Each structure stands twice: as C-alpha cells, then as structure tokens.
C-alpha cells in the first residue's frame, strides 16, 4: 500500500521541448509542461486542457531532453511536490510540480 502514497500517473502531450539544466553540484534537471484533456459534454467539444509541470533529475532528465519533443504523447508516473518562493514584487508564489519517476513515450513526433 505504501506504493500508492503520493503517486501520480498521467498521459498527455508535451507543451514544449524539455529544457535541461546542469546545476553547480553536477546534477541535471529537466523541466517540461504536460497537457491532459478532460472532455465534458459531446465528444471532442468543450475540451479543458490541464497543464502540469514535470521535473526530472539526472538520468531521467537526460533521457527526456534527448528523446522527447513538443507535442509528443507520453505517460509518466511520479509524485507531487509543492514549493514556494518570494517574487520580485514581494508576493509569495506557490508551485505544484510532478517529480518524474518513470516516463514512457507513446509516439515519436516527426521533426
């Protein structure tokens, strides 16, 4: 039952190419947005895209930055993470991200 705690599984399309950064400590981090759709009413009408911020570390970051492209459909499994920071205007901003544990590309987007 512990495997179900703080577990997220999503299937969606990438909103942009993953952006990988190498940190000063040598770790690599990739960030990308994932769109999922919820349909209400008639099929194909009133689709409401939901955007999710994905974060991957080290090997997963490398994989995502090399092999995934904007528009590609993927499945991910991960966990929710919440953080906050103070913006330049002094307000507190809150961010919810999904830390990716597993990623599965469904199709390859032609370049």
PDB file of N, CA and C in Angstrom:
ATOM      1  N   UNK A   1       0.801  -1.188   0.000  1.00  0.00           N
ATOM      2  CA  UNK A   1       0.000   0.000   0.000  1.00  0.00           C
ATOM      3  C   UNK A   1       0.854   1.265   0.000  1.00  0.00           C
ATOM      4  N   UNK A   2       2.079   1.192   0.489  1.00  0.00           N
ATOM      5  CA  UNK A   2       2.941   2.372   0.507  1.00  0.00           C
ATOM      6  C   UNK A   2       3.255   2.883  -0.887  1.00  0.00           C
ATOM      7  N   UNK A   3       3.207   2.001  -1.899  1.00  0.00           N
ATOM      8  CA  UNK A   3       3.493   2.432  -3.268  1.00  0.00           C
ATOM      9  C   UNK A   3       2.425   3.391  -3.794  1.00  0.00           C
ATOM     10  N   UNK A   4       1.249   3.386  -3.190  1.00  0.00           N
ATOM     11  CA  UNK A   4       0.166   4.254  -3.638  1.00  0.00           C
ATOM     12  C   UNK A   4       0.222   5.637  -3.010  1.00  0.00           C
ATOM     13  N   UNK A   5       1.031   5.828  -2.004  1.00  0.00           N
ATOM     14  CA  UNK A   5       1.109   7.123  -1.337  1.00  0.00           C
ATOM     15  C   UNK A   5       1.823   8.140  -2.230  1.00  0.00           C
ATOM     16  N   UNK A   6       1.191   9.300  -2.383  1.00  0.00           N
ATOM     17  CA  UNK A   6       1.740  10.384  -3.198  1.00  0.00           C
ATOM     18  C   UNK A   6       2.201   9.893  -4.567  1.00  0.00           C
ATOM     19  N   UNK A   7       1.323   9.211  -5.258  1.00  0.00           N
ATOM     20  CA  UNK A   7       1.616   8.678  -6.578  1.00  0.00           C
ATOM     21  C   UNK A   7       0.720   9.332  -7.615  1.00  0.00           C
ATOM     22  N   UNK A   8       1.324   9.740  -8.734  1.00  0.00           N
ATOM     23  CA  UNK A   8       0.604  10.393  -9.822  1.00  0.00           C
ATOM     24  C   UNK A   8       0.922   9.654 -11.114  1.00  0.00           C
ATOM     25  N   UNK A   9      -0.109   9.371 -11.896  1.00  0.00           N
ATOM     26  CA  UNK A   9       0.071   8.782 -13.219  1.00  0.00           C
ATOM     27  C   UNK A   9      -0.726   9.617 -14.206  1.00  0.00           C
ATOM     28  N   UNK A  10      -0.081  10.060 -15.277  1.00  0.00           N
ATOM     29  CA  UNK A  10      -0.737  10.894 -16.277  1.00  0.00           C
ATOM     30  C   UNK A  10      -0.330  10.469 -17.677  1.00  0.00           C
ATOM     31  N   UNK A  11      -1.239  10.670 -18.616  1.00  0.00           N
ATOM     32  CA  UNK A  11      -0.955  10.521 -20.039  1.00  0.00           C
ATOM     33  C   UNK A  11      -1.350  11.839 -20.683  1.00  0.00           C
ATOM     34  N   UNK A  12      -0.441  12.396 -21.467  1.00  0.00           N
ATOM     35  CA  UNK A  12      -0.737  13.668 -22.113  1.00  0.00           C
ATOM     36  C   UNK A  12       0.289  14.003 -23.170  1.00  0.00           C
ATOM     37  N   UNK A  13       0.212  15.225 -23.658  1.00  0.00           N
ATOM     38  CA  UNK A  13       1.119  15.704 -24.709  1.00  0.00           C
ATOM     39  C   UNK A  13       2.013  16.815 -24.157  1.00  0.00           C
ATOM     40  N   UNK A  14       3.271  16.802 -24.587  1.00  0.00           N
ATOM     41  CA  UNK A  14       4.225  17.806 -24.138  1.00  0.00           C
ATOM     42  C   UNK A  14       3.908  19.159 -24.755  1.00  0.00           C
ATOM     43  N   UNK A  15       3.939  20.198 -23.938  1.00  0.00           N
ATOM     44  CA  UNK A  15       3.652  21.544 -24.404  1.00  0.00           C
ATOM     45  C   UNK A  15       4.856  22.237 -25.020  1.00  0.00           C
ATOM     46  N   UNK A  16       6.043  21.702 -24.779  1.00  0.00           N
ATOM     47  CA  UNK A  16       7.271  22.263 -25.335  1.00  0.00           C
ATOM     48  C   UNK A  16       8.355  21.196 -25.247  1.00  0.00           C
ATOM     49  N   UNK A  17       9.499  21.456 -25.838  1.00  0.00           N
ATOM     50  CA  UNK A  17      10.637  20.556 -25.688  1.00  0.00           C
ATOM     51  C   UNK A  17      11.143  20.650 -24.252  1.00  0.00           C
ATOM     52  N   UNK A  18      11.569  19.530 -23.659  1.00  0.00           N
ATOM     53  CA  UNK A  18      12.143  19.599 -22.309  1.00  0.00           C
ATOM     54  C   UNK A  18      13.383  20.493 -22.292  1.00  0.00           C
ATOM     55  N   UNK A  19      13.523  21.255 -21.211  1.00  0.00           N
ATOM     56  CA  UNK A  19      14.682  22.132 -21.034  1.00  0.00           C
ATOM     57  C   UNK A  19      15.551  21.565 -19.919  1.00  0.00           C
ATOM     58  N   UNK A  20      16.769  21.149 -20.251  1.00  0.00           N
ATOM     59  CA  UNK A  20      17.656  20.565 -19.255  1.00  0.00           C
ATOM     60  C   UNK A  20      18.702  21.583 -18.817  1.00  0.00           C
ATOM     61  N   UNK A  21      18.981  21.584 -17.533  1.00  0.00           N
ATOM     62  CA  UNK A  21      19.977  22.464 -16.940  1.00  0.00           C
ATOM     63  C   UNK A  21      20.909  21.625 -16.084  1.00  0.00           C
ATOM     64  N   UNK A  22      22.190  21.966 -16.130  1.00  0.00           N
ATOM     65  CA  UNK A  22      23.153  21.312 -15.249  1.00  0.00           C
ATOM     66  C   UNK A  22      23.436  22.261 -14.091  1.00  0.00           C
ATOM     67  N   UNK A  23      23.213  21.780 -12.879  1.00  0.00           N
ATOM     68  CA  UNK A  23      23.414  22.604 -11.683  1.00  0.00           C
ATOM     69  C   UNK A  23      24.886  22.634 -11.284  1.00  0.00           C
ATOM     70  N   UNK A  24      25.244  23.563 -10.408  1.00  0.00           N
ATOM     71  CA  UNK A  24      26.631  23.704  -9.963  1.00  0.00           C
ATOM     72  C   UNK A  24      27.166  22.439  -9.304  1.00  0.00           C
ATOM     73  N   UNK A  25      26.286  21.670  -8.658  1.00  0.00           N
ATOM     74  CA  UNK A  25      26.720  20.447  -7.982  1.00  0.00           C
ATOM     75  C   UNK A  25      26.823  19.252  -8.930  1.00  0.00           C
ATOM     76  N   UNK A  26      26.603  19.470 -10.239  1.00  0.00           N
ATOM     77  CA  UNK A  26      26.726  18.406 -11.231  1.00  0.00           C
ATOM     78  C   UNK A  26      25.425  17.691 -11.560  1.00  0.00           C
ATOM     79  N   UNK A  27      24.409  17.892 -10.754  1.00  0.00           N
ATOM     80  CA  UNK A  27      23.117  17.254 -11.035  1.00  0.00           C
ATOM     81  C   UNK A  27      22.469  17.906 -12.248  1.00  0.00           C
ATOM     82  N   UNK A  28      21.688  17.099 -12.980  1.00  0.00           N
ATOM     83  CA  UNK A  28      20.955  17.605 -14.143  1.00  0.00           C
ATOM     84  C   UNK A  28      19.465  17.610 -13.818  1.00  0.00           C
ATOM     85  N   UNK A  29      18.782  18.642 -14.300  1.00  0.00           N
ATOM     86  CA  UNK A  29      17.348  18.761 -14.078  1.00  0.00           C
ATOM     87  C   UNK A  29      16.697  19.153 -15.400  1.00  0.00           C
ATOM     88  N   UNK A  30      15.589  18.483 -15.720  1.00  0.00           N
ATOM     89  CA  UNK A  30      14.818  18.821 -16.920  1.00  0.00           C
ATOM     90  C   UNK A  30      13.422  19.234 -16.487  1.00  0.00           C
ATOM     91  N   UNK A  31      12.914  20.270 -17.131  1.00  0.00           N
ATOM     92  CA  UNK A  31      11.563  20.762 -16.854  1.00  0.00           C
ATOM     93  C   UNK A  31      10.788  20.799 -18.169  1.00  0.00           C
ATOM     94  N   UNK A  32       9.501  20.445 -18.061  1.00  0.00           N
ATOM     95  CA  UNK A  32       8.631  20.476 -19.237  1.00  0.00           C
ATOM     96  C   UNK A  32       7.189  20.504 -18.754  1.00  0.00           C
ATOM     97  N   UNK A  33       6.282  21.005 -19.593  1.00  0.00           N
ATOM     98  CA  UNK A  33       4.857  21.016 -19.254  1.00  0.00           C
ATOM     99  C   UNK A  33       4.142  19.905 -20.013  1.00  0.00           C
ATOM    100  N   UNK A  34       3.130  19.338 -19.372  1.00  0.00           N
ATOM    101  CA  UNK A  34       2.342  18.250 -19.942  1.00  0.00           C
ATOM    102  C   UNK A  34       0.883  18.660 -19.933  1.00  0.00           C
ATOM    103  N   UNK A  35       0.210  18.525 -21.077  1.00  0.00           N
ATOM    104  CA  UNK A  35      -1.208  18.857 -21.182  1.00  0.00           C
ATOM    105  C   UNK A  35      -2.032  17.575 -21.159  1.00  0.00           C
ATOM    106  N   UNK A  36      -3.037  17.566 -20.290  1.00  0.00           N
ATOM    107  CA  UNK A  36      -4.019  16.492 -20.295  1.00  0.00           C
ATOM    108  C   UNK A  36      -5.366  17.141 -20.579  1.00  0.00           C
ATOM    109  N   UNK A  37      -6.270  16.401 -21.183  1.00  0.00           N
ATOM    110  CA  UNK A  37      -7.584  16.937 -21.542  1.00  0.00           C
ATOM    111  C   UNK A  37      -8.682  16.221 -20.794  1.00  0.00           C
ATOM    112  N   UNK A  38      -9.657  16.994 -20.375  1.00  0.00           N
ATOM    113  CA  UNK A  38     -10.876  16.448 -19.797  1.00  0.00           C
ATOM    114  C   UNK A  38     -12.020  16.909 -20.688  1.00  0.00           C
ATOM    115  N   UNK A  39     -12.776  15.969 -21.203  1.00  0.00           N
ATOM    116  CA  UNK A  39     -13.894  16.315 -22.077  1.00  0.00           C
ATOM    117  C   UNK A  39     -15.197  16.316 -21.298  1.00  0.00           C
ATOM    118  N   UNK A  40     -15.999  17.344 -21.528  1.00  0.00           N
ATOM    119  CA  UNK A  40     -17.316  17.457 -20.925  1.00  0.00           C
ATOM    120  C   UNK A  40     -18.320  17.557 -22.053  1.00  0.00           C
ATOM    121  N   UNK A  41     -19.446  16.941 -21.901  1.00  0.00           N
ATOM    122  CA  UNK A  41     -20.487  17.033 -22.925  1.00  0.00           C
ATOM    123  C   UNK A  41     -20.167  16.139 -24.109  1.00  0.00           C
ATOM    124  N   UNK A  42     -20.475  16.621 -25.316  1.00  0.00           N
ATOM    125  CA  UNK A  42     -20.274  15.837 -26.519  1.00  0.00           C
ATOM    126  C   UNK A  42     -18.795  15.578 -26.753  1.00  0.00           C
ATOM    127  N   UNK A  43     -18.521  14.418 -27.359  1.00  0.00           N
ATOM    128  CA  UNK A  43     -17.139  14.020 -27.621  1.00  0.00           C
ATOM    129  C   UNK A  43     -16.431  15.073 -28.483  1.00  0.00           C
ATOM    130  N   UNK A  44     -15.261  15.476 -28.028  1.00  0.00           N
ATOM    131  CA  UNK A  44     -14.447  16.424 -28.784  1.00  0.00           C
ATOM    132  C   UNK A  44     -14.810  17.888 -28.578  1.00  0.00           C
ATOM    133  N   UNK A  45     -15.908  18.146 -27.863  1.00  0.00           N
ATOM    134  CA  UNK A  45     -16.302  19.533 -27.619  1.00  0.00           C
ATOM    135  C   UNK A  45     -16.019  19.889 -26.168  1.00  0.00           C
ATOM    136  N   UNK A  46     -15.798  21.160 -25.919  1.00  0.00           N
ATOM    137  CA  UNK A  46     -15.568  21.668 -24.571  1.00  0.00           C
ATOM    138  C   UNK A  46     -14.382  21.006 -23.871  1.00  0.00           C
ATOM    139  N   UNK A  47     -13.342  20.686 -24.622  1.00  0.00           N
ATOM    140  CA  UNK A  47     -12.140  20.100 -24.018  1.00  0.00           C
ATOM    141  C   UNK A  47     -11.465  21.146 -23.137  1.00  0.00           C
ATOM    142  N   UNK A  48     -11.128  20.766 -21.935  1.00  0.00           N
ATOM    143  CA  UNK A  48     -10.482  21.659 -20.982  1.00  0.00           C
ATOM    144  C   UNK A  48      -9.073  21.149 -20.692  1.00  0.00           C
ATOM    145  N   UNK A  49      -8.061  21.693 -21.358  1.00  0.00           N
ATOM    146  CA  UNK A  49      -6.700  21.206 -21.083  1.00  0.00           C
ATOM    147  C   UNK A  49      -6.249  21.598 -19.675  1.00  0.00           C
ATOM    148  N   UNK A  50      -5.606  20.693 -19.021  1.00  0.00           N
ATOM    149  CA  UNK A  50      -4.985  20.933 -17.721  1.00  0.00           C
ATOM    150  C   UNK A  50      -3.473  20.844 -17.934  1.00  0.00           C
ATOM    151  N   UNK A  51      -2.738  21.821 -17.425  1.00  0.00           N
ATOM    152  CA  UNK A  51      -1.290  21.852 -17.602  1.00  0.00           C
ATOM    153  C   UNK A  51      -0.616  21.427 -16.310  1.00  0.00           C
ATOM    154  N   UNK A  52       0.378  20.557 -16.443  1.00  0.00           N
ATOM    155  CA  UNK A  52       1.117  20.017 -15.311  1.00  0.00           C
ATOM    156  C   UNK A  52       2.605  20.280 -15.533  1.00  0.00           C
ATOM    157  N   UNK A  53       3.289  20.741 -14.490  1.00  0.00           N
ATOM    158  CA  UNK A  53       4.729  20.981 -14.563  1.00  0.00           C
ATOM    159  C   UNK A  53       5.459  19.717 -14.149  1.00  0.00           C
ATOM    160  N   UNK A  54       6.301  19.197 -15.049  1.00  0.00           N
ATOM    161  CA  UNK A  54       7.078  17.992 -14.771  1.00  0.00           C
ATOM    162  C   UNK A  54       8.528  18.364 -14.505  1.00  0.00           C
ATOM    163  N   UNK A  55       9.138  17.646 -13.566  1.00  0.00           N
ATOM    164  CA  UNK A  55      10.551  17.822 -13.242  1.00  0.00           C
ATOM    165  C   UNK A  55      11.198  16.445 -13.217  1.00  0.00           C
ATOM    166  N   UNK A  56      12.318  16.304 -13.906  1.00  0.00           N
ATOM    167  CA  UNK A  56      13.060  15.041 -13.897  1.00  0.00           C
ATOM    168  C   UNK A  56      14.513  15.333 -13.532  1.00  0.00           C
ATOM    169  N   UNK A  57      15.140  14.382 -12.853  1.00  0.00           N
ATOM    170  CA  UNK A  57      16.516  14.548 -12.393  1.00  0.00           C
ATOM    171  C   UNK A  57      17.445  13.552 -13.053  1.00  0.00           C
ATOM    172  N   UNK A  58      18.687  13.964 -13.244  1.00  0.00           N
ATOM    173  CA  UNK A  58      19.816  13.149 -13.687  1.00  0.00           C
ATOM    174  C   UNK A  58      19.499  12.288 -14.910  1.00  0.00           C
ATOM    175  N   UNK A  59      19.488  10.964 -14.776  1.00  0.00           N
ATOM    176  CA  UNK A  59      19.301  10.084 -15.938  1.00  0.00           C
ATOM    177  C   UNK A  59      17.983  10.297 -16.648  1.00  0.00           C
ATOM    178  N   UNK A  60      16.923  10.492 -15.881  1.00  0.00           N
ATOM    179  CA  UNK A  60      15.604  10.753 -16.486  1.00  0.00           C
ATOM    180  C   UNK A  60      15.615  12.103 -17.201  1.00  0.00           C
ATOM    181  N   UNK A  61      16.307  13.084 -16.633  1.00  0.00           N
ATOM    182  CA  UNK A  61      16.424  14.400 -17.266  1.00  0.00           C
ATOM    183  C   UNK A  61      17.153  14.273 -18.602  1.00  0.00           C
ATOM    184  N   UNK A  62      18.218  13.520 -18.609  1.00  0.00           N
ATOM    185  CA  UNK A  62      18.995  13.303 -19.838  1.00  0.00           C
ATOM    186  C   UNK A  62      18.141  12.624 -20.903  1.00  0.00           C
ATOM    187  N   UNK A  63      17.415  11.567 -20.509  1.00  0.00           N
ATOM    188  CA  UNK A  63      16.545  10.842 -21.434  1.00  0.00           C
ATOM    189  C   UNK A  63      15.490  11.772 -22.026  1.00  0.00           C
ATOM    190  N   UNK A  64      14.819  12.521 -21.147  1.00  0.00           N
ATOM    191  CA  UNK A  64      13.746  13.398 -21.614  1.00  0.00           C
ATOM    192  C   UNK A  64      14.261  14.469 -22.570  1.00  0.00           C
ATOM    193  N   UNK A  65      15.406  15.059 -22.250  1.00  0.00           N
ATOM    194  CA  UNK A  65      15.925  16.136 -23.109  1.00  0.00           C
ATOM    195  C   UNK A  65      16.408  15.608 -24.460  1.00  0.00           C
ATOM    196  N   UNK A  66      16.848  14.365 -24.510  1.00  0.00           N
ATOM    197  CA  UNK A  66      17.349  13.797 -25.766  1.00  0.00           C
ATOM    198  C   UNK A  66      16.256  13.223 -26.651  1.00  0.00           C
ATOM    199  N   UNK A  67      15.242  12.605 -26.053  1.00  0.00           N
ATOM    200  CA  UNK A  67      14.309  11.804 -26.840  1.00  0.00           C
ATOM    201  C   UNK A  67      12.879  12.336 -26.913  1.00  0.00           C
ATOM    202  N   UNK A  68      12.518  13.313 -26.109  1.00  0.00           N
ATOM    203  CA  UNK A  68      11.146  13.806 -26.122  1.00  0.00           C
ATOM    204  C   UNK A  68      11.063  15.179 -26.783  1.00  0.00           C
ATOM    205  N   UNK A  69       9.978  15.398 -27.522  1.00  0.00           N
ATOM    206  CA  UNK A  69       9.786  16.651 -28.256  1.00  0.00           C
ATOM    207  C   UNK A  69       8.379  17.201 -28.034  1.00  0.00           C
ATOM    208  N   UNK A  70       8.232  18.481 -28.277  1.00  0.00           N
ATOM    209  CA  UNK A  70       6.941  19.163 -28.157  1.00  0.00           C
ATOM    210  C   UNK A  70       5.871  18.409 -28.945  1.00  0.00           C
ATOM    211  N   UNK A  71       4.695  18.238 -28.333  1.00  0.00           N
ATOM    212  CA  UNK A  71       3.567  17.588 -28.990  1.00  0.00           C
ATOM    213  C   UNK A  71       3.526  16.084 -28.826  1.00  0.00           C
ATOM    214  N   UNK A  72       4.614  15.491 -28.377  1.00  0.00           N
ATOM    215  CA  UNK A  72       4.686  14.038 -28.227  1.00  0.00           C
ATOM    216  C   UNK A  72       3.809  13.566 -27.074  1.00  0.00           C
ATOM    217  N   UNK A  73       3.145  12.423 -27.268  1.00  0.00           N
ATOM    218  CA  UNK A  73       2.325  11.847 -26.215  1.00  0.00           C
ATOM    219  C   UNK A  73       3.190  10.945 -25.343  1.00  0.00           C
ATOM    220  N   UNK A  74       3.077  11.127 -24.019  1.00  0.00           N
ATOM    221  CA  UNK A  74       3.852  10.313 -23.080  1.00  0.00           C
ATOM    222  C   UNK A  74       2.974   9.917 -21.896  1.00  0.00           C
ATOM    223  N   UNK A  75       3.422   8.905 -21.188  1.00  0.00           N
ATOM    224  CA  UNK A  75       2.842   8.531 -19.903  1.00  0.00           C
ATOM    225  C   UNK A  75       3.928   8.733 -18.863  1.00  0.00           C
ATOM    226  N   UNK A  76       3.539   9.253 -17.707  1.00  0.00           N
ATOM    227  CA  UNK A  76       4.506   9.433 -16.629  1.00  0.00           C
ATOM    228  C   UNK A  76       3.936   8.874 -15.331  1.00  0.00           C
ATOM    229  N   UNK A  77       4.834   8.490 -14.465  1.00  0.00           N
ATOM    230  CA  UNK A  77       4.499   8.125 -13.094  1.00  0.00           C
ATOM    231  C   UNK A  77       5.445   8.923 -12.235  1.00  0.00           C
ATOM    232  N   UNK A  78       4.918   9.531 -11.182  1.00  0.00           N
ATOM    233  CA  UNK A  78       5.768  10.336 -10.321  1.00  0.00           C
ATOM    234  C   UNK A  78       5.063  10.662  -9.018  1.00  0.00           C
ATOM    235  N   UNK A  79       5.554  11.729  -8.376  1.00  0.00           N
ATOM    236  CA  UNK A  79       4.977  12.158  -7.100  1.00  0.00           C
ATOM    237  C   UNK A  79       4.812  13.667  -7.104  1.00  0.00           C
ATOM    238  N   UNK A  80       3.828  14.138  -6.356  1.00  0.00           N
ATOM    239  CA  UNK A  80       3.583  15.574  -6.251  1.00  0.00           C
ATOM    240  C   UNK A  80       4.603  16.231  -5.333  1.00  0.00           C
ATOM    241  N   UNK A  81       4.992  17.437  -5.705  1.00  0.00           N
ATOM    242  CA  UNK A  81       5.895  18.236  -4.883  1.00  0.00           C
ATOM    243  C   UNK A  81       5.377  19.670  -4.897  1.00  0.00           C
ATOM    244  N   UNK A  82       5.347  20.296  -3.741  1.00  0.00           N
ATOM    245  CA  UNK A  82       4.896  21.681  -3.614  1.00  0.00           C
ATOM    246  C   UNK A  82       6.051  22.517  -3.079  1.00  0.00           C
ATOM    247  N   UNK A  83       6.202  23.722  -3.647  1.00  0.00           N
ATOM    248  CA  UNK A  83       7.226  24.630  -3.150  1.00  0.00           C
ATOM    249  C   UNK A  83       6.726  26.052  -3.318  1.00  0.00           C
ATOM    250  N   UNK A  84       7.401  26.967  -2.659  1.00  0.00           N
ATOM    251  CA  UNK A  84       7.040  28.377  -2.775  1.00  0.00           C
ATOM    252  C   UNK A  84       8.312  29.212  -2.847  1.00  0.00           C
ATOM    253  N   UNK A  85       8.159  30.415  -3.368  1.00  0.00           N
ATOM    254  CA  UNK A  85       9.274  31.356  -3.411  1.00  0.00           C
ATOM    255  C   UNK A  85       8.714  32.774  -3.373  1.00  0.00           C
ATOM    256  N   UNK A  86       9.573  33.710  -3.032  1.00  0.00           N
ATOM    257  CA  UNK A  86       9.165  35.106  -2.992  1.00  0.00           C
ATOM    258  C   UNK A  86       9.519  35.768  -4.319  1.00  0.00           C
ATOM    259  N   UNK A  87       8.526  36.337  -4.972  1.00  0.00           N
ATOM    260  CA  UNK A  87       8.720  37.013  -6.250  1.00  0.00           C
ATOM    261  C   UNK A  87       9.375  38.377  -6.031  1.00  0.00           C
ATOM    262  N   UNK A  88       9.815  38.986  -7.111  1.00  0.00           N
ATOM    263  CA  UNK A  88      10.477  40.296  -7.033  1.00  0.00           C
ATOM    264  C   UNK A  88       9.579  41.367  -6.428  1.00  0.00           C
ATOM    265  N   UNK A  89       8.262  41.211  -6.636  1.00  0.00           N
ATOM    266  CA  UNK A  89       7.332  42.211  -6.093  1.00  0.00           C
ATOM    267  C   UNK A  89       6.966  41.941  -4.629  1.00  0.00           C
ATOM    268  N   UNK A  90       7.595  40.935  -4.016  1.00  0.00           N
ATOM    269  CA  UNK A  90       7.382  40.646  -2.607  1.00  0.00           C
ATOM    270  C   UNK A  90       6.265  39.660  -2.310  1.00  0.00           C
ATOM    271  N   UNK A  91       5.524  39.243  -3.338  1.00  0.00           N
ATOM    272  CA  UNK A  91       4.447  38.278  -3.122  1.00  0.00           C
ATOM    273  C   UNK A  91       5.007  36.860  -3.088  1.00  0.00           C
ATOM    274  N   UNK A  92       4.307  35.987  -2.391  1.00  0.00           N
ATOM    275  CA  UNK A  92       4.708  34.582  -2.335  1.00  0.00           C
ATOM    276  C   UNK A  92       4.021  33.824  -3.456  1.00  0.00           C
ATOM    277  N   UNK A  93       4.805  33.107  -4.241  1.00  0.00           N
ATOM    278  CA  UNK A  93       4.283  32.286  -5.339  1.00  0.00           C
ATOM    279  C   UNK A  93       4.371  30.821  -4.933  1.00  0.00           C
ATOM    280  N   UNK A  94       3.323  30.068  -5.266  1.00  0.00           N
ATOM    281  CA  UNK A  94       3.268  28.644  -4.947  1.00  0.00           C
ATOM    282  C   UNK A  94       3.277  27.839  -6.233  1.00  0.00           C
ATOM    283  N   UNK A  95       4.053  26.764  -6.239  1.00  0.00           N
ATOM    284  CA  UNK A  95       4.189  25.920  -7.425  1.00  0.00           C
ATOM    285  C   UNK A  95       3.959  24.469  -7.036  1.00  0.00           C
ATOM    286  N   UNK A  96       3.160  23.779  -7.844  1.00  0.00           N
ATOM    287  CA  UNK A  96       2.994  22.343  -7.708  1.00  0.00           C
ATOM    288  C   UNK A  96       3.647  21.691  -8.916  1.00  0.00           C
ATOM    289  N   UNK A  97       4.515  20.721  -8.674  1.00  0.00           N
ATOM    290  CA  UNK A  97       5.231  20.025  -9.737  1.00  0.00           C
ATOM    291  C   UNK A  97       5.077  18.530  -9.533  1.00  0.00           C
ATOM    292  N   UNK A  98       5.304  17.794 -10.605  1.00  0.00           N
ATOM    293  CA  UNK A  98       5.341  16.342 -10.530  1.00  0.00           C
ATOM    294  C   UNK A  98       6.785  15.924 -10.757  1.00  0.00           C
ATOM    295  N   UNK A  99       7.359  15.258  -9.759  1.00  0.00           N
ATOM    296  CA  UNK A  99       8.717  14.727  -9.879  1.00  0.00           C
ATOM    297  C   UNK A  99       8.603  13.383 -10.585  1.00  0.00           C
ATOM    298  N   UNK A 100       9.173  13.279 -11.763  1.00  0.00           N
ATOM    299  CA  UNK A 100       9.010  12.099 -12.619  1.00  0.00           C
ATOM    300  C   UNK A 100       9.896  10.954 -12.129  1.00  0.00           C
ATOM    301  N   UNK A 101       9.261   9.799 -11.911  1.00  0.00           N
ATOM    302  CA  UNK A 101       9.991   8.570 -11.591  1.00  0.00           C
ATOM    303  C   UNK A 101      10.143   7.687 -12.822  1.00  0.00           C
ATOM    304  N   UNK A 102       9.105   7.627 -13.647  1.00  0.00           N
ATOM    305  CA  UNK A 102       9.101   6.808 -14.860  1.00  0.00           C
ATOM    306  C   UNK A 102       8.476   7.605 -15.991  1.00  0.00           C
ATOM    307  N   UNK A 103       8.993   7.409 -17.199  1.00  0.00           N
ATOM    308  CA  UNK A 103       8.431   8.067 -18.369  1.00  0.00           C
ATOM    309  C   UNK A 103       8.384   7.053 -19.514  1.00  0.00           C
ATOM    310  N   UNK A 104       7.263   7.064 -20.250  1.00  0.00           N
ATOM    311  CA  UNK A 104       7.077   6.151 -21.371  1.00  0.00           C
ATOM    312  C   UNK A 104       6.567   6.935 -22.569  1.00  0.00           C
ATOM    313  N   UNK A 105       7.391   7.105 -23.607  1.00  0.00           N
ATOM    314  CA  UNK A 105       6.918   7.783 -24.820  1.00  0.00           C
ATOM    315  C   UNK A 105       6.003   6.841 -25.609  1.00  0.00           C
ATOM    316  N   UNK A 106       4.867   7.364 -26.105  1.00  0.00           N
ATOM    317  CA  UNK A 106       3.952   6.558 -26.897  1.00  0.00           C
ATOM    318  C   UNK A 106       4.217   6.661 -28.383  1.00  0.00           C
ATOM    319  N   UNK A 107       4.594   7.837 -28.831  1.00  0.00           N
ATOM    320  CA  UNK A 107       4.827   8.035 -30.246  1.00  0.00           C
ATOM    321  C   UNK A 107       5.973   8.999 -30.422  1.00  0.00           C
ATOM    322  N   UNK A 108       6.557   8.969 -31.597  1.00  0.00           N
ATOM    323  CA  UNK A 108       7.657   9.880 -31.867  1.00  0.00           C
ATOM    324  C   UNK A 108       7.163  10.965 -32.794  1.00  0.00           C
ATOM    325  N   UNK A 109       7.301  12.190 -32.378  1.00  0.00           N
ATOM    326  CA  UNK A 109       6.880  13.336 -33.182  1.00  0.00           C
ATOM    327  C   UNK A 109       7.921  13.565 -34.264  1.00  0.00           C
ATOM    328  N   UNK A 110       7.465  13.665 -35.536  1.00  0.00           N
ATOM    329  CA  UNK A 110       8.392  13.925 -36.641  1.00  0.00           C
ATOM    330  C   UNK A 110       8.945  15.323 -36.527  1.00  0.00           C
ATOM    331  N   UNK A 111      10.233  15.441 -36.770  1.00  0.00           N
ATOM    332  CA  UNK A 111      10.902  16.748 -36.680  1.00  0.00           C
ATOM    333  C   UNK A 111      10.637  17.589 -37.895  1.00  0.00           C
TER     334      UNK A 111
END
